[in-house]
Protein backbone atom coordinates (compact mmCIF):
# COMPACT_ATOMS: atom_id res chain seq x y z
CA UNK A 1 1.86 -1.04 -13.17
CA UNK A 2 -1.69 -0.63 -11.38
CA UNK A 3 -1.49 0.23 -7.77
CA UNK A 4 -3.35 -2.07 -5.53
CA UNK A 5 -4.86 -0.58 -2.47
CA UNK A 6 -6.25 -2.69 0.56
CA UNK A 7 -9.71 -1.66 1.37
CA UNK A 8 -10.10 0.30 4.53
CA UNK A 9 -10.87 -1.50 7.54
CA UNK A 10 -13.47 -0.43 10.28
CA UNK A 11 -11.72 1.89 12.64
CA UNK A 12 -8.35 1.98 10.71
CA UNK A 13 -6.68 3.58 7.76
CA UNK A 14 -6.23 1.93 4.34
CA UNK A 15 -2.67 0.36 3.91
CA UNK A 16 -1.14 0.80 0.46
CA UNK A 17 1.97 -1.40 -0.94
CA UNK A 18 3.26 1.75 -2.40
CA UNK A 19 3.88 2.82 1.38
CA UNK A 20 5.98 -0.27 2.04
CA UNK A 21 8.42 -0.87 -0.95
CA UNK A 22 11.16 -2.66 1.08
CA UNK A 23 8.55 -4.98 2.90
CA UNK A 24 7.04 -5.64 -0.44
CA UNK A 25 10.52 -6.71 -1.81
CA UNK A 26 11.09 -8.82 1.11
CA UNK A 27 7.48 -10.53 1.37
CA UNK A 28 7.30 -11.01 -2.22
CA UNK A 29 10.82 -12.23 -2.94
CA UNK A 30 11.62 -14.15 0.20
CA UNK A 31 8.52 -15.30 1.94
CA UNK A 32 7.16 -17.12 -1.07
CA UNK A 33 5.91 -20.59 -1.31
CA UNK A 34 9.26 -22.27 -0.84
CA UNK A 35 10.62 -20.07 1.93
CA UNK A 36 10.59 -22.68 4.55
CA UNK A 37 12.65 -25.10 2.36
CA UNK A 38 15.13 -22.42 1.39
CA UNK A 39 15.36 -20.46 4.56
CA UNK A 40 13.75 -22.61 7.39
CA UNK A 41 11.81 -19.77 8.92
CA UNK A 42 10.49 -16.32 8.35
CA UNK A 43 13.39 -14.92 10.25
CA UNK A 44 15.87 -17.04 8.03
CA UNK A 45 14.28 -15.41 5.05
CA UNK A 46 14.80 -11.92 6.61
CA UNK A 47 18.37 -12.71 7.37
CA UNK A 48 18.78 -13.65 3.58
CA UNK A 49 16.92 -10.42 2.40
CA UNK A 50 19.30 -8.27 4.65
CA UNK A 51 22.54 -9.97 3.10
CA UNK A 52 21.28 -9.11 -0.20
CA UNK A 53 20.05 -5.59 0.72
CA UNK A 54 21.95 -2.34 0.83
CA UNK A 55 22.28 -0.76 4.46
CA UNK A 56 19.96 1.85 3.30
CA UNK A 57 17.28 -0.73 2.10
CA UNK A 58 17.65 -2.46 5.40
CA UNK A 59 17.14 0.69 7.41
CA UNK A 60 14.04 1.53 5.20
CA UNK A 61 12.75 -1.89 5.74
CA UNK A 62 13.09 -1.23 9.52
CA UNK A 63 11.07 1.99 9.42
CA UNK A 64 8.39 0.27 7.37
CA UNK A 65 8.31 -2.75 9.54
CA UNK A 66 7.69 -0.41 12.54
CA UNK A 67 4.95 1.39 10.69
CA UNK A 68 3.24 -1.83 9.84
CA UNK A 69 3.49 -3.13 13.30
CA UNK A 70 2.00 0.07 14.73
CA UNK A 71 -0.79 -0.19 12.18
CA UNK A 72 -1.39 -3.71 13.24
CA UNK A 73 -2.07 -2.50 16.70
CA UNK A 74 -4.71 -0.25 15.53
CA UNK A 75 -6.44 -2.28 13.00
CA UNK A 76 -8.19 -5.76 12.99
CA UNK A 77 -5.37 -8.17 12.63
CA UNK A 78 -7.12 -10.11 9.88
CA UNK A 79 -6.90 -6.91 7.73
CA UNK A 80 -3.08 -6.73 8.45
CA UNK A 81 -2.75 -10.39 7.39
CA UNK A 82 -4.66 -9.95 4.40
CA UNK A 83 -2.58 -7.04 3.31
CA UNK A 84 0.56 -9.01 3.92
CA UNK A 85 -0.70 -11.83 1.79
CA UNK A 86 -2.55 -10.03 -0.87
CA UNK A 87 -0.89 -6.63 -1.29
CA UNK A 88 2.75 -7.45 -0.18
CA UNK A 89 3.02 -10.66 -1.88
CA UNK A 90 3.71 -12.94 1.05
CA UNK A 91 2.80 -16.73 1.34
CA UNK A 92 3.54 -16.61 5.01
CA UNK A 93 0.71 -16.09 7.32
CA UNK A 94 1.52 -14.30 10.53
CA UNK A 95 -0.77 -15.45 13.24
CA UNK A 96 -0.95 -12.23 15.20
CA UNK A 97 0.79 -8.76 15.94
CA UNK A 98 3.21 -10.42 18.26
CA UNK A 99 4.46 -12.73 15.47
CA UNK A 100 5.09 -9.88 13.33
CA UNK A 101 6.76 -8.05 16.06
CA UNK A 102 8.91 -11.05 16.69
CA UNK A 103 10.00 -11.30 13.15
CA UNK A 104 11.44 -7.88 13.00
CA UNK A 105 12.71 -7.62 16.42
CA UNK A 106 14.54 -11.09 16.40
CA UNK A 107 16.43 -10.39 13.14
CA UNK A 108 19.70 -8.73 13.65
CA UNK A 109 20.05 -5.48 11.73
CA UNK A 110 22.70 -5.29 8.94
CA UNK A 111 25.81 -3.60 9.93
CA UNK A 112 26.41 -0.38 8.06
CA UNK A 113 28.78 -0.64 5.27
């Protein structure tokens, strides 16, 4: 498989999908073109992903989401939105950093097994 890498943005580091495997799994597999029909919202899609994921995968997604949100605070948001769509495979278009924060803050964490 060829590694895709987002181009560096002015004033910020480049992002790589390889650094976000659980987010890529979630964005590609659950925030696809029919996610609103299937899950009703990005939060619904994340709840469904957590139901299918292991506790370890869910904790890793939480760490990756925190890193993505932190990067979003340091980079132009259009670069983050492009990374989410192009490199992580989502059809969902977050409108701003606050929307990304809301997605990951509003979805209950999975209880450990």
